[in-house]
N, C-alpha and C. Protein backbone atom coordinates (compact mmCIF):
# COMPACT_ATOMS: atom_id res chain seq x y z
N MET A 1 -29.03 10.59 -72.11
CA MET A 1 -29.35 9.48 -71.22
C MET A 1 -29.19 9.92 -69.77
N ASP A 2 -29.91 9.29 -68.90
CA ASP A 2 -29.87 9.64 -67.49
C ASP A 2 -29.07 8.58 -66.76
N GLY A 3 -28.05 9.00 -65.98
CA GLY A 3 -27.15 8.01 -65.38
C GLY A 3 -26.44 7.29 -66.51
N ASP A 4 -26.19 6.01 -66.33
CA ASP A 4 -25.60 5.23 -67.42
C ASP A 4 -26.65 4.26 -67.95
N GLY A 5 -27.73 4.80 -68.49
CA GLY A 5 -28.75 3.96 -69.10
C GLY A 5 -28.22 3.14 -70.24
N SER A 6 -27.02 3.50 -70.73
CA SER A 6 -26.43 2.75 -71.84
C SER A 6 -26.10 1.31 -71.47
N VAL A 7 -26.05 1.00 -70.16
CA VAL A 7 -25.71 -0.37 -69.77
C VAL A 7 -26.69 -1.37 -70.37
N ASN A 8 -27.96 -0.98 -70.48
CA ASN A 8 -28.94 -1.88 -71.08
C ASN A 8 -28.68 -2.07 -72.56
N PHE A 9 -28.34 -1.00 -73.26
CA PHE A 9 -28.08 -1.12 -74.68
C PHE A 9 -26.81 -1.93 -74.94
N ARG A 10 -25.79 -1.75 -74.11
CA ARG A 10 -24.58 -2.55 -74.27
C ARG A 10 -24.87 -4.03 -74.04
N ARG A 11 -25.73 -4.33 -73.08
CA ARG A 11 -26.10 -5.71 -72.81
C ARG A 11 -26.86 -6.33 -73.99
N LEU A 12 -27.66 -5.55 -74.65
CA LEU A 12 -28.54 -6.07 -75.70
C LEU A 12 -27.93 -6.02 -77.09
N MET A 13 -26.94 -5.17 -77.30
CA MET A 13 -26.43 -4.93 -78.65
C MET A 13 -25.11 -5.61 -78.96
N GLY A 14 -24.57 -6.33 -77.99
CA GLY A 14 -23.37 -7.12 -78.25
C GLY A 14 -22.19 -6.26 -78.65
N ALA A 15 -21.59 -6.60 -79.81
CA ALA A 15 -20.35 -5.96 -80.23
C ALA A 15 -20.57 -4.63 -80.96
N ARG A 16 -21.81 -4.23 -81.19
CA ARG A 16 -22.03 -2.96 -81.88
C ARG A 16 -21.45 -1.81 -81.06
N PRO A 17 -20.72 -0.89 -81.70
CA PRO A 17 -20.15 0.24 -80.95
C PRO A 17 -21.22 1.23 -80.53
N ILE A 18 -21.07 1.79 -79.33
CA ILE A 18 -22.02 2.75 -78.78
C ILE A 18 -21.25 3.96 -78.26
N VAL A 19 -21.70 5.14 -78.62
CA VAL A 19 -21.17 6.38 -78.06
C VAL A 19 -22.27 6.99 -77.20
N VAL A 20 -21.97 7.30 -75.94
CA VAL A 20 -22.96 7.83 -75.00
C VAL A 20 -22.84 9.35 -74.92
N TRP A 21 -23.96 10.02 -75.13
CA TRP A 21 -24.04 11.48 -74.97
C TRP A 21 -25.08 11.75 -73.90
N ARG A 22 -24.66 12.38 -72.80
CA ARG A 22 -25.59 12.70 -71.71
C ARG A 22 -25.92 14.19 -71.81
N PRO A 23 -27.08 14.54 -72.38
CA PRO A 23 -27.40 15.95 -72.58
C PRO A 23 -27.49 16.74 -71.29
N VAL A 24 -27.72 16.05 -70.16
CA VAL A 24 -27.76 16.76 -68.88
C VAL A 24 -26.38 17.31 -68.53
N ASP A 25 -25.31 16.71 -69.08
CA ASP A 25 -23.95 17.16 -68.81
C ASP A 25 -23.34 17.95 -69.96
N VAL A 26 -23.72 17.61 -71.19
CA VAL A 26 -23.11 18.22 -72.38
C VAL A 26 -24.20 18.97 -73.14
N HIS A 27 -24.25 20.28 -72.98
CA HIS A 27 -25.35 21.08 -73.53
C HIS A 27 -25.01 21.59 -74.93
N HIS A 28 -24.76 20.67 -75.84
CA HIS A 28 -24.55 21.07 -77.22
C HIS A 28 -25.19 20.03 -78.13
N VAL A 29 -25.35 20.41 -79.38
CA VAL A 29 -25.97 19.51 -80.35
C VAL A 29 -24.86 18.75 -81.07
N PRO A 30 -24.84 17.42 -80.98
CA PRO A 30 -23.77 16.67 -81.61
C PRO A 30 -23.90 16.62 -83.13
N GLU A 31 -22.76 16.53 -83.82
CA GLU A 31 -22.78 16.27 -85.26
C GLU A 31 -23.15 14.81 -85.47
N LEU A 32 -24.02 14.55 -86.41
CA LEU A 32 -24.58 13.21 -86.58
C LEU A 32 -24.01 12.45 -87.77
N GLU A 33 -23.13 13.08 -88.53
CA GLU A 33 -22.71 12.47 -89.79
C GLU A 33 -21.96 11.16 -89.60
N ASN A 34 -21.37 10.94 -88.43
CA ASN A 34 -20.59 9.71 -88.21
C ASN A 34 -21.36 8.64 -87.44
N TYR A 35 -22.66 8.84 -87.27
CA TYR A 35 -23.45 7.90 -86.48
C TYR A 35 -24.52 7.23 -87.33
N ALA A 36 -24.75 5.96 -87.04
CA ALA A 36 -25.72 5.18 -87.81
C ALA A 36 -27.14 5.36 -87.29
N ALA A 37 -27.29 5.70 -86.01
CA ALA A 37 -28.62 5.81 -85.40
C ALA A 37 -28.49 6.52 -84.07
N MET A 38 -29.64 6.99 -83.55
CA MET A 38 -29.71 7.62 -82.24
C MET A 38 -30.78 6.92 -81.42
N MET A 39 -30.43 6.54 -80.18
CA MET A 39 -31.40 5.98 -79.25
C MET A 39 -31.40 6.83 -77.99
N ILE A 40 -32.59 7.15 -77.49
CA ILE A 40 -32.73 8.02 -76.33
C ILE A 40 -33.41 7.23 -75.22
N SER A 41 -32.76 7.13 -74.10
CA SER A 41 -33.23 6.27 -73.00
C SER A 41 -34.26 6.97 -72.14
N GLY A 42 -34.69 6.29 -71.09
CA GLY A 42 -35.54 6.88 -70.08
C GLY A 42 -34.78 7.86 -69.23
N SER A 43 -35.50 8.58 -68.38
CA SER A 43 -34.90 9.58 -67.51
C SER A 43 -35.82 9.81 -66.32
N ALA A 44 -35.25 10.26 -65.22
CA ALA A 44 -36.06 10.68 -64.07
C ALA A 44 -36.73 12.02 -64.33
N ALA A 45 -36.25 12.76 -65.34
CA ALA A 45 -36.84 14.04 -65.70
C ALA A 45 -38.16 13.83 -66.44
N CYS A 46 -38.98 14.88 -66.47
CA CYS A 46 -40.27 14.83 -67.15
C CYS A 46 -40.31 15.88 -68.26
N VAL A 47 -40.77 15.49 -69.42
CA VAL A 47 -40.91 16.42 -70.53
C VAL A 47 -41.90 17.53 -70.18
N THR A 48 -42.90 17.22 -69.36
CA THR A 48 -43.88 18.23 -68.97
C THR A 48 -43.34 19.23 -67.95
N ASP A 49 -42.15 18.97 -67.42
CA ASP A 49 -41.45 19.92 -66.54
C ASP A 49 -40.09 20.19 -67.17
N PRO A 50 -40.05 20.95 -68.25
CA PRO A 50 -38.83 21.06 -69.07
C PRO A 50 -37.66 21.70 -68.34
N LEU A 51 -36.47 21.21 -68.72
CA LEU A 51 -35.21 21.71 -68.19
C LEU A 51 -34.35 22.20 -69.35
N PRO A 52 -33.39 23.09 -69.11
CA PRO A 52 -32.62 23.68 -70.22
C PRO A 52 -31.93 22.66 -71.11
N TRP A 53 -31.44 21.54 -70.55
CA TRP A 53 -30.71 20.57 -71.37
C TRP A 53 -31.59 19.85 -72.38
N MET A 54 -32.91 19.97 -72.22
CA MET A 54 -33.80 19.31 -73.17
C MET A 54 -33.83 20.04 -74.52
N HIS A 55 -33.49 21.32 -74.54
CA HIS A 55 -33.55 22.09 -75.78
C HIS A 55 -32.55 21.58 -76.82
N PRO A 56 -31.25 21.43 -76.49
CA PRO A 56 -30.34 20.87 -77.49
C PRO A 56 -30.66 19.43 -77.85
N LEU A 57 -31.21 18.67 -76.92
CA LEU A 57 -31.63 17.31 -77.24
C LEU A 57 -32.74 17.33 -78.29
N GLY A 58 -33.71 18.22 -78.10
CA GLY A 58 -34.77 18.35 -79.09
C GLY A 58 -34.24 18.75 -80.45
N GLU A 59 -33.27 19.67 -80.46
CA GLU A 59 -32.67 20.09 -81.73
C GLU A 59 -31.96 18.93 -82.41
N SER A 60 -31.28 18.11 -81.62
CA SER A 60 -30.58 16.96 -82.20
C SER A 60 -31.56 15.96 -82.81
N ILE A 61 -32.74 15.81 -82.20
CA ILE A 61 -33.76 14.91 -82.74
C ILE A 61 -34.27 15.45 -84.08
N ARG A 62 -34.52 16.73 -84.15
CA ARG A 62 -34.96 17.32 -85.42
C ARG A 62 -33.88 17.23 -86.48
N ASN A 63 -32.63 17.42 -86.09
CA ASN A 63 -31.53 17.28 -87.04
C ASN A 63 -31.45 15.85 -87.57
N ALA A 64 -31.61 14.86 -86.66
CA ALA A 64 -31.58 13.46 -87.08
C ALA A 64 -32.68 13.18 -88.09
N ARG A 65 -33.88 13.67 -87.80
CA ARG A 65 -34.98 13.49 -88.77
C ARG A 65 -34.62 14.10 -90.12
N ASP A 66 -34.10 15.31 -90.11
CA ASP A 66 -33.81 16.01 -91.36
C ASP A 66 -32.67 15.36 -92.13
N GLU A 67 -31.73 14.74 -91.40
CA GLU A 67 -30.58 14.09 -92.03
C GLU A 67 -30.80 12.60 -92.25
N ASP A 68 -32.03 12.12 -91.98
CA ASP A 68 -32.42 10.71 -92.17
C ASP A 68 -31.57 9.76 -91.32
N VAL A 69 -31.23 10.20 -90.10
CA VAL A 69 -30.59 9.32 -89.13
C VAL A 69 -31.70 8.70 -88.29
N PRO A 70 -31.80 7.38 -88.22
CA PRO A 70 -32.89 6.75 -87.45
C PRO A 70 -32.83 7.14 -85.97
N VAL A 71 -34.01 7.38 -85.40
CA VAL A 71 -34.13 7.76 -83.99
C VAL A 71 -35.14 6.84 -83.32
N LEU A 72 -34.76 6.33 -82.14
CA LEU A 72 -35.68 5.54 -81.32
C LEU A 72 -35.66 6.10 -79.91
N GLY A 73 -36.80 6.57 -79.42
CA GLY A 73 -36.92 7.06 -78.05
C GLY A 73 -37.67 6.07 -77.19
N ILE A 74 -37.20 5.88 -75.95
CA ILE A 74 -37.80 4.93 -75.01
C ILE A 74 -38.24 5.68 -73.75
N CYS A 75 -39.52 5.58 -73.40
CA CYS A 75 -40.12 6.21 -72.23
C CYS A 75 -39.90 7.72 -72.27
N PHE A 76 -39.04 8.31 -71.45
CA PHE A 76 -38.74 9.73 -71.61
C PHE A 76 -38.33 10.02 -73.05
N GLY A 77 -37.53 9.14 -73.63
CA GLY A 77 -37.10 9.32 -75.02
C GLY A 77 -38.27 9.37 -75.98
N HIS A 78 -39.24 8.51 -75.78
CA HIS A 78 -40.48 8.48 -76.56
C HIS A 78 -41.18 9.84 -76.48
N GLN A 79 -41.25 10.38 -75.28
CA GLN A 79 -41.94 11.66 -75.07
C GLN A 79 -41.15 12.83 -75.64
N ILE A 80 -39.82 12.83 -75.50
CA ILE A 80 -39.04 13.95 -76.01
C ILE A 80 -38.97 13.92 -77.53
N VAL A 81 -39.04 12.75 -78.14
CA VAL A 81 -39.12 12.68 -79.61
C VAL A 81 -40.44 13.32 -80.07
N ALA A 82 -41.55 12.97 -79.41
CA ALA A 82 -42.83 13.58 -79.76
C ALA A 82 -42.79 15.09 -79.55
N HIS A 83 -42.25 15.53 -78.43
CA HIS A 83 -42.15 16.95 -78.11
C HIS A 83 -41.34 17.68 -79.18
N ALA A 84 -40.21 17.11 -79.58
CA ALA A 84 -39.33 17.75 -80.55
C ALA A 84 -39.95 17.83 -81.94
N LEU A 85 -40.67 16.79 -82.34
CA LEU A 85 -41.19 16.72 -83.70
C LEU A 85 -42.60 17.26 -83.85
N PHE A 86 -43.38 17.23 -82.76
CA PHE A 86 -44.79 17.61 -82.87
C PHE A 86 -45.21 18.74 -81.92
N GLY A 87 -44.29 19.20 -81.10
CA GLY A 87 -44.59 20.33 -80.23
C GLY A 87 -44.93 19.94 -78.81
N ALA A 88 -44.90 20.95 -77.92
CA ALA A 88 -45.09 20.71 -76.49
C ALA A 88 -46.45 20.12 -76.18
N ASP A 89 -47.46 20.45 -76.96
CA ASP A 89 -48.81 19.96 -76.67
C ASP A 89 -48.97 18.47 -76.95
N SER A 90 -47.98 17.86 -77.55
CA SER A 90 -48.08 16.42 -77.86
C SER A 90 -47.82 15.54 -76.64
N VAL A 91 -47.35 16.12 -75.53
CA VAL A 91 -47.04 15.36 -74.32
C VAL A 91 -47.82 15.97 -73.15
N ARG A 92 -48.38 15.11 -72.31
CA ARG A 92 -49.18 15.57 -71.17
C ARG A 92 -48.92 14.66 -69.97
N LYS A 93 -49.35 15.10 -68.80
CA LYS A 93 -49.35 14.22 -67.63
C LYS A 93 -50.28 13.04 -67.91
N ALA A 94 -49.83 11.85 -67.55
CA ALA A 94 -50.64 10.65 -67.83
C ALA A 94 -51.93 10.69 -67.03
N LYS A 95 -53.04 10.38 -67.70
CA LYS A 95 -54.31 10.29 -67.00
C LYS A 95 -54.26 9.15 -65.98
N VAL A 96 -53.61 8.04 -66.36
CA VAL A 96 -53.41 6.90 -65.45
C VAL A 96 -51.93 6.50 -65.54
N PRO A 97 -51.08 6.91 -64.59
CA PRO A 97 -49.69 6.46 -64.61
C PRO A 97 -49.61 4.94 -64.61
N GLU A 98 -48.66 4.40 -65.38
CA GLU A 98 -48.50 2.96 -65.47
C GLU A 98 -47.19 2.55 -64.79
N ILE A 99 -47.29 1.63 -63.85
CA ILE A 99 -46.11 1.04 -63.21
C ILE A 99 -46.35 -0.46 -63.12
N GLY A 100 -45.49 -1.22 -63.75
CA GLY A 100 -45.65 -2.68 -63.72
C GLY A 100 -45.65 -3.26 -65.11
N TRP A 101 -46.03 -4.51 -65.20
CA TRP A 101 -45.98 -5.25 -66.45
C TRP A 101 -47.36 -5.19 -67.11
N LYS A 102 -47.40 -4.60 -68.31
CA LYS A 102 -48.66 -4.32 -68.98
C LYS A 102 -48.70 -5.00 -70.35
N GLN A 103 -49.90 -5.31 -70.80
CA GLN A 103 -50.07 -5.85 -72.14
C GLN A 103 -50.08 -4.70 -73.14
N ILE A 104 -49.25 -4.82 -74.16
CA ILE A 104 -49.16 -3.86 -75.25
C ILE A 104 -49.85 -4.47 -76.46
N ASN A 105 -50.75 -3.73 -77.06
CA ASN A 105 -51.49 -4.20 -78.23
C ASN A 105 -51.01 -3.45 -79.46
N ILE A 106 -50.48 -4.18 -80.43
CA ILE A 106 -50.04 -3.57 -81.68
C ILE A 106 -51.26 -3.31 -82.55
N THR A 107 -51.38 -2.09 -83.03
CA THR A 107 -52.57 -1.70 -83.79
C THR A 107 -52.29 -1.41 -85.26
N ALA A 108 -51.02 -1.33 -85.65
CA ALA A 108 -50.68 -1.04 -87.04
C ALA A 108 -49.36 -1.72 -87.38
N PRO A 109 -49.23 -2.25 -88.58
CA PRO A 109 -47.96 -2.90 -88.96
C PRO A 109 -46.84 -1.88 -89.12
N ASP A 110 -45.65 -2.28 -88.72
CA ASP A 110 -44.49 -1.41 -88.88
C ASP A 110 -43.25 -2.28 -88.77
N PRO A 111 -42.18 -1.96 -89.50
CA PRO A 111 -40.94 -2.76 -89.41
C PRO A 111 -40.39 -2.86 -87.99
N LEU A 112 -40.67 -1.89 -87.13
CA LEU A 112 -40.16 -1.94 -85.75
C LEU A 112 -40.65 -3.18 -85.02
N PHE A 113 -41.86 -3.63 -85.34
CA PHE A 113 -42.47 -4.76 -84.65
C PHE A 113 -42.45 -6.04 -85.49
N GLN A 114 -41.60 -6.07 -86.49
CA GLN A 114 -41.47 -7.27 -87.31
C GLN A 114 -41.13 -8.48 -86.42
N GLY A 115 -41.89 -9.56 -86.57
CA GLY A 115 -41.63 -10.77 -85.79
C GLY A 115 -42.39 -10.84 -84.49
N GLU A 116 -43.12 -9.77 -84.12
CA GLU A 116 -43.93 -9.78 -82.90
C GLU A 116 -45.37 -10.17 -83.22
N GLY A 117 -46.02 -10.80 -82.25
CA GLY A 117 -47.44 -11.08 -82.38
C GLY A 117 -48.26 -9.83 -82.12
N PRO A 118 -49.58 -9.93 -82.10
CA PRO A 118 -50.43 -8.75 -81.90
C PRO A 118 -50.38 -8.17 -80.49
N GLN A 119 -49.92 -8.96 -79.51
CA GLN A 119 -49.78 -8.47 -78.13
C GLN A 119 -48.48 -8.99 -77.53
N PHE A 120 -47.96 -8.23 -76.59
CA PHE A 120 -46.86 -8.70 -75.76
C PHE A 120 -46.95 -7.98 -74.42
N THR A 121 -46.27 -8.52 -73.41
CA THR A 121 -46.27 -7.92 -72.08
C THR A 121 -44.86 -7.50 -71.71
N THR A 122 -44.74 -6.28 -71.21
CA THR A 122 -43.43 -5.78 -70.80
C THR A 122 -43.60 -4.70 -69.74
N PHE A 123 -42.48 -4.18 -69.24
CA PHE A 123 -42.50 -3.28 -68.09
C PHE A 123 -42.79 -1.84 -68.48
N GLU A 124 -43.55 -1.15 -67.62
CA GLU A 124 -43.90 0.26 -67.78
C GLU A 124 -43.57 1.02 -66.50
N SER A 125 -43.13 2.25 -66.65
CA SER A 125 -42.97 3.14 -65.49
C SER A 125 -42.97 4.57 -66.01
N HIS A 126 -44.16 5.21 -66.02
CA HIS A 126 -44.22 6.58 -66.56
C HIS A 126 -45.37 7.36 -65.94
N PHE A 127 -45.12 8.67 -65.83
CA PHE A 127 -46.12 9.60 -65.31
C PHE A 127 -46.53 10.64 -66.37
N ASP A 128 -45.79 10.73 -67.46
CA ASP A 128 -46.18 11.51 -68.64
C ASP A 128 -46.61 10.54 -69.73
N GLU A 129 -47.28 11.06 -70.76
CA GLU A 129 -47.67 10.23 -71.89
C GLU A 129 -47.79 11.09 -73.14
N VAL A 130 -47.67 10.45 -74.28
CA VAL A 130 -47.87 11.12 -75.56
C VAL A 130 -49.36 11.15 -75.87
N ARG A 131 -49.83 12.29 -76.29
CA ARG A 131 -51.25 12.48 -76.56
C ARG A 131 -51.63 11.92 -77.92
N PRO A 132 -52.74 11.22 -78.05
CA PRO A 132 -53.17 10.72 -79.36
C PRO A 132 -53.76 11.84 -80.22
N GLY A 133 -53.98 11.53 -81.48
CA GLY A 133 -54.63 12.47 -82.38
C GLY A 133 -53.74 13.57 -82.90
N ILE A 134 -52.42 13.36 -82.93
CA ILE A 134 -51.47 14.37 -83.40
C ILE A 134 -51.24 14.18 -84.90
N GLU A 135 -51.42 15.24 -85.67
CA GLU A 135 -51.19 15.17 -87.11
C GLU A 135 -49.72 14.85 -87.39
N GLY A 136 -49.48 13.90 -88.28
CA GLY A 136 -48.13 13.50 -88.64
C GLY A 136 -47.57 12.39 -87.78
N MET A 137 -48.31 11.96 -86.75
CA MET A 137 -47.88 10.87 -85.87
C MET A 137 -48.73 9.64 -86.17
N HIS A 138 -48.07 8.55 -86.51
CA HIS A 138 -48.76 7.30 -86.80
C HIS A 138 -48.66 6.40 -85.58
N VAL A 139 -49.76 6.20 -84.87
CA VAL A 139 -49.77 5.40 -83.64
C VAL A 139 -49.69 3.92 -84.01
N LEU A 140 -48.79 3.20 -83.36
CA LEU A 140 -48.54 1.79 -83.67
C LEU A 140 -49.03 0.83 -82.60
N ALA A 141 -49.20 1.30 -81.36
CA ALA A 141 -49.58 0.39 -80.27
C ALA A 141 -50.20 1.17 -79.13
N HIS A 142 -50.99 0.47 -78.32
CA HIS A 142 -51.60 1.09 -77.15
C HIS A 142 -51.71 0.04 -76.05
N SER A 143 -52.01 0.50 -74.83
CA SER A 143 -52.36 -0.38 -73.71
C SER A 143 -53.72 0.06 -73.19
N THR A 144 -54.23 -0.62 -72.19
CA THR A 144 -55.54 -0.26 -71.65
C THR A 144 -55.58 1.18 -71.17
N ASP A 145 -54.50 1.65 -70.55
CA ASP A 145 -54.51 2.98 -69.93
C ASP A 145 -53.68 4.02 -70.67
N CYS A 146 -53.06 3.64 -71.78
CA CYS A 146 -52.21 4.59 -72.52
C CYS A 146 -52.47 4.42 -74.01
N ALA A 147 -52.97 5.48 -74.64
CA ALA A 147 -53.39 5.39 -76.04
C ALA A 147 -52.23 5.35 -77.02
N VAL A 148 -51.04 5.83 -76.60
CA VAL A 148 -49.89 5.84 -77.50
C VAL A 148 -48.72 5.13 -76.82
N GLN A 149 -48.64 3.83 -77.02
CA GLN A 149 -47.51 3.05 -76.51
C GLN A 149 -46.36 3.01 -77.50
N ALA A 150 -46.64 3.32 -78.75
CA ALA A 150 -45.59 3.39 -79.76
C ALA A 150 -46.10 4.23 -80.92
N PHE A 151 -45.20 4.97 -81.55
CA PHE A 151 -45.56 5.75 -82.73
C PHE A 151 -44.38 5.84 -83.68
N ARG A 152 -44.70 6.19 -84.91
CA ARG A 152 -43.68 6.55 -85.89
C ARG A 152 -44.07 7.89 -86.49
N ALA A 153 -43.09 8.75 -86.69
CA ALA A 153 -43.35 10.03 -87.36
C ALA A 153 -43.52 9.76 -88.85
N ASP A 154 -44.58 10.27 -89.41
CA ASP A 154 -44.85 10.05 -90.83
C ASP A 154 -43.70 10.57 -91.68
N GLY A 155 -43.26 9.74 -92.64
CA GLY A 155 -42.24 10.14 -93.57
C GLY A 155 -40.84 10.22 -93.00
N ALA A 156 -40.62 9.64 -91.83
CA ALA A 156 -39.30 9.72 -91.19
C ALA A 156 -38.96 8.39 -90.51
N ARG A 157 -37.69 8.18 -90.28
CA ARG A 157 -37.25 7.02 -89.50
C ARG A 157 -37.09 7.45 -88.05
N ALA A 158 -38.21 7.80 -87.44
CA ALA A 158 -38.23 8.28 -86.06
C ALA A 158 -39.38 7.62 -85.32
N TRP A 159 -39.05 6.89 -84.25
CA TRP A 159 -40.02 6.13 -83.48
C TRP A 159 -39.93 6.50 -82.00
N GLY A 160 -41.01 6.24 -81.28
CA GLY A 160 -41.01 6.28 -79.83
C GLY A 160 -41.76 5.08 -79.29
N VAL A 161 -41.27 4.52 -78.19
CA VAL A 161 -41.99 3.45 -77.48
C VAL A 161 -42.04 3.84 -76.00
N GLN A 162 -43.22 3.73 -75.41
CA GLN A 162 -43.41 4.14 -74.02
C GLN A 162 -42.86 3.13 -73.04
N PHE A 163 -42.86 1.88 -73.40
CA PHE A 163 -42.51 0.79 -72.48
C PHE A 163 -41.01 0.60 -72.36
N HIS A 164 -40.61 -0.16 -71.33
CA HIS A 164 -39.20 -0.38 -70.99
C HIS A 164 -38.78 -1.83 -71.23
N ALA A 165 -38.90 -2.32 -72.45
CA ALA A 165 -38.44 -3.68 -72.73
C ALA A 165 -36.94 -3.84 -72.51
N GLU A 166 -36.19 -2.73 -72.64
CA GLU A 166 -34.73 -2.81 -72.55
C GLU A 166 -34.20 -3.07 -71.15
N MET A 167 -35.00 -2.82 -70.12
CA MET A 167 -34.53 -3.00 -68.75
C MET A 167 -34.39 -4.49 -68.42
N SER A 168 -33.37 -4.82 -67.65
CA SER A 168 -33.28 -6.18 -67.12
C SER A 168 -34.44 -6.41 -66.16
N GLN A 169 -34.80 -7.66 -65.96
CA GLN A 169 -35.91 -7.96 -65.06
C GLN A 169 -35.62 -7.46 -63.65
N LYS A 170 -34.39 -7.62 -63.20
CA LYS A 170 -34.01 -7.17 -61.85
C LYS A 170 -34.16 -5.65 -61.72
N GLU A 171 -33.67 -4.91 -62.70
CA GLU A 171 -33.77 -3.46 -62.65
C GLU A 171 -35.24 -3.02 -62.66
N ALA A 172 -36.04 -3.66 -63.50
CA ALA A 172 -37.46 -3.30 -63.58
C ALA A 172 -38.16 -3.56 -62.25
N GLU A 173 -37.85 -4.68 -61.62
CA GLU A 173 -38.47 -5.00 -60.33
C GLU A 173 -38.06 -3.98 -59.26
N GLU A 174 -36.79 -3.62 -59.24
CA GLU A 174 -36.32 -2.64 -58.25
C GLU A 174 -36.98 -1.27 -58.49
N LEU A 175 -37.12 -0.87 -59.75
CA LEU A 175 -37.75 0.41 -60.04
C LEU A 175 -39.23 0.38 -59.68
N ALA A 176 -39.89 -0.75 -59.93
CA ALA A 176 -41.31 -0.87 -59.57
C ALA A 176 -41.51 -0.67 -58.08
N VAL A 177 -40.66 -1.26 -57.27
CA VAL A 177 -40.77 -1.11 -55.82
C VAL A 177 -40.60 0.35 -55.41
N ILE A 178 -39.61 1.03 -56.00
CA ILE A 178 -39.36 2.43 -55.67
C ILE A 178 -40.53 3.31 -56.09
N ARG A 179 -40.99 3.11 -57.33
CA ARG A 179 -42.05 3.97 -57.85
C ARG A 179 -43.38 3.75 -57.12
N ILE A 180 -43.73 2.51 -56.86
CA ILE A 180 -44.99 2.23 -56.16
C ILE A 180 -44.90 2.73 -54.72
N GLY A 181 -43.76 2.51 -54.07
CA GLY A 181 -43.58 2.99 -52.70
C GLY A 181 -43.65 4.49 -52.60
N GLY A 182 -43.23 5.19 -53.67
CA GLY A 182 -43.25 6.64 -53.66
C GLY A 182 -44.58 7.26 -54.05
N ARG A 183 -45.50 6.44 -54.55
CA ARG A 183 -46.81 6.96 -54.96
C ARG A 183 -47.93 6.11 -54.38
N PRO A 184 -48.10 6.13 -53.04
CA PRO A 184 -49.17 5.33 -52.43
C PRO A 184 -50.55 5.77 -52.89
N ASP A 185 -50.66 7.00 -53.39
CA ASP A 185 -51.95 7.50 -53.87
C ASP A 185 -52.47 6.73 -55.08
N LEU A 186 -51.59 6.01 -55.77
CA LEU A 186 -52.02 5.25 -56.95
C LEU A 186 -52.72 3.95 -56.58
N GLY A 187 -52.56 3.52 -55.33
CA GLY A 187 -53.24 2.32 -54.87
C GLY A 187 -52.71 1.03 -55.48
N LEU A 188 -51.45 1.01 -55.89
CA LEU A 188 -50.86 -0.18 -56.50
C LEU A 188 -50.28 -1.11 -55.44
N ASP A 189 -50.34 -2.38 -55.69
CA ASP A 189 -49.86 -3.40 -54.77
C ASP A 189 -48.50 -3.90 -55.24
N ILE A 190 -47.48 -3.76 -54.40
CA ILE A 190 -46.14 -4.16 -54.81
C ILE A 190 -46.06 -5.66 -55.06
N GLU A 191 -46.57 -6.46 -54.14
CA GLU A 191 -46.48 -7.91 -54.31
C GLU A 191 -47.24 -8.37 -55.54
N GLY A 192 -48.42 -7.83 -55.78
CA GLY A 192 -49.18 -8.20 -56.96
C GLY A 192 -48.49 -7.77 -58.23
N THR A 193 -47.87 -6.60 -58.21
CA THR A 193 -47.15 -6.12 -59.38
C THR A 193 -45.96 -7.02 -59.70
N LEU A 194 -45.19 -7.37 -58.68
CA LEU A 194 -44.01 -8.20 -58.89
C LEU A 194 -44.38 -9.62 -59.31
N ALA A 195 -45.56 -10.07 -58.94
CA ALA A 195 -45.99 -11.41 -59.35
C ALA A 195 -46.14 -11.52 -60.86
N ALA A 196 -46.33 -10.39 -61.54
CA ALA A 196 -46.49 -10.39 -63.00
C ALA A 196 -45.16 -10.16 -63.72
N SER A 197 -44.07 -10.04 -62.97
CA SER A 197 -42.76 -9.74 -63.54
C SER A 197 -42.32 -10.78 -64.56
N LYS A 198 -41.70 -10.30 -65.64
CA LYS A 198 -41.14 -11.21 -66.64
C LYS A 198 -39.97 -10.53 -67.34
N ASP A 199 -39.10 -11.34 -67.90
CA ASP A 199 -37.94 -10.83 -68.62
C ASP A 199 -38.33 -10.46 -70.04
N SER A 200 -37.87 -9.30 -70.50
CA SER A 200 -38.20 -8.82 -71.85
C SER A 200 -36.98 -8.70 -72.75
N SER A 201 -35.90 -9.38 -72.40
CA SER A 201 -34.66 -9.23 -73.17
C SER A 201 -34.82 -9.63 -74.63
N ALA A 202 -35.52 -10.73 -74.88
CA ALA A 202 -35.69 -11.19 -76.26
C ALA A 202 -36.49 -10.18 -77.07
N LEU A 203 -37.54 -9.63 -76.46
CA LEU A 203 -38.34 -8.60 -77.11
C LEU A 203 -37.48 -7.38 -77.42
N ALA A 204 -36.69 -6.93 -76.45
CA ALA A 204 -35.86 -5.74 -76.65
C ALA A 204 -34.84 -5.95 -77.75
N ARG A 205 -34.19 -7.11 -77.78
CA ARG A 205 -33.22 -7.39 -78.83
C ARG A 205 -33.89 -7.36 -80.20
N ARG A 206 -35.08 -7.92 -80.29
CA ARG A 206 -35.78 -7.95 -81.57
C ARG A 206 -36.12 -6.53 -82.02
N LEU A 207 -36.64 -5.71 -81.11
CA LEU A 207 -37.00 -4.35 -81.48
C LEU A 207 -35.78 -3.53 -81.89
N ILE A 208 -34.69 -3.67 -81.14
CA ILE A 208 -33.47 -2.92 -81.48
C ILE A 208 -32.91 -3.38 -82.81
N ASN A 209 -32.87 -4.68 -83.04
CA ASN A 209 -32.39 -5.18 -84.33
C ASN A 209 -33.27 -4.71 -85.47
N ASN A 210 -34.59 -4.72 -85.26
CA ASN A 210 -35.50 -4.21 -86.28
C ASN A 210 -35.24 -2.73 -86.55
N PHE A 211 -35.09 -1.96 -85.49
CA PHE A 211 -34.84 -0.52 -85.62
C PHE A 211 -33.57 -0.27 -86.42
N LEU A 212 -32.50 -0.99 -86.10
CA LEU A 212 -31.22 -0.75 -86.78
C LEU A 212 -31.21 -1.28 -88.20
N SER A 213 -32.22 -2.09 -88.56
CA SER A 213 -32.26 -2.68 -89.90
C SER A 213 -33.15 -1.92 -90.87
N VAL A 214 -33.97 -1.00 -90.38
CA VAL A 214 -34.90 -0.29 -91.26
C VAL A 214 -34.12 0.64 -92.18
N GLN A 215 -34.39 0.54 -93.46
CA GLN A 215 -33.71 1.37 -94.45
C GLN A 215 -34.66 2.46 -94.98
């Protein structure tokens, strides 16, 4: 996790115990036998610009898959799960970076989205993306500008979601202002983007509960 991204998971998961491992600080592969699941948060780092600490993180993702420990990656986590399980070519610079609140269209049934309708709107902030058409990757959702908003690895309890439902509305709004201000070349309007702001806490709780319930 980057910084203390765990604050969002603690807010959403209530009394469930959480152990935080920051691979940027601890460059080893953790033993997974005492853990029920692994969740990987967003990061300011990019999978397309790899750093040494990403290697043990990738190994831990492969170990989790092999040991049948459920894995859920979010944004950077989504991309590093794809990178670890399907190779470096599975992640690329986004053709259209997404910043703001976007409609996500579910395209395939999966327990992760149990209880959701065919579309929902939530926050996005990414400059990398997972490439479609990867063998062994089952795409579950897309948006207008991103073909892989969610996937599941075939035959494994390993998922990735590109969007940031877990962020509080305040955090998402603050990040939108920073990201749009830092990329004037994208031609995005801060006021227009913030006008579409909405809270995604209920969605995030549902997805996390679904993830932790899949057997």
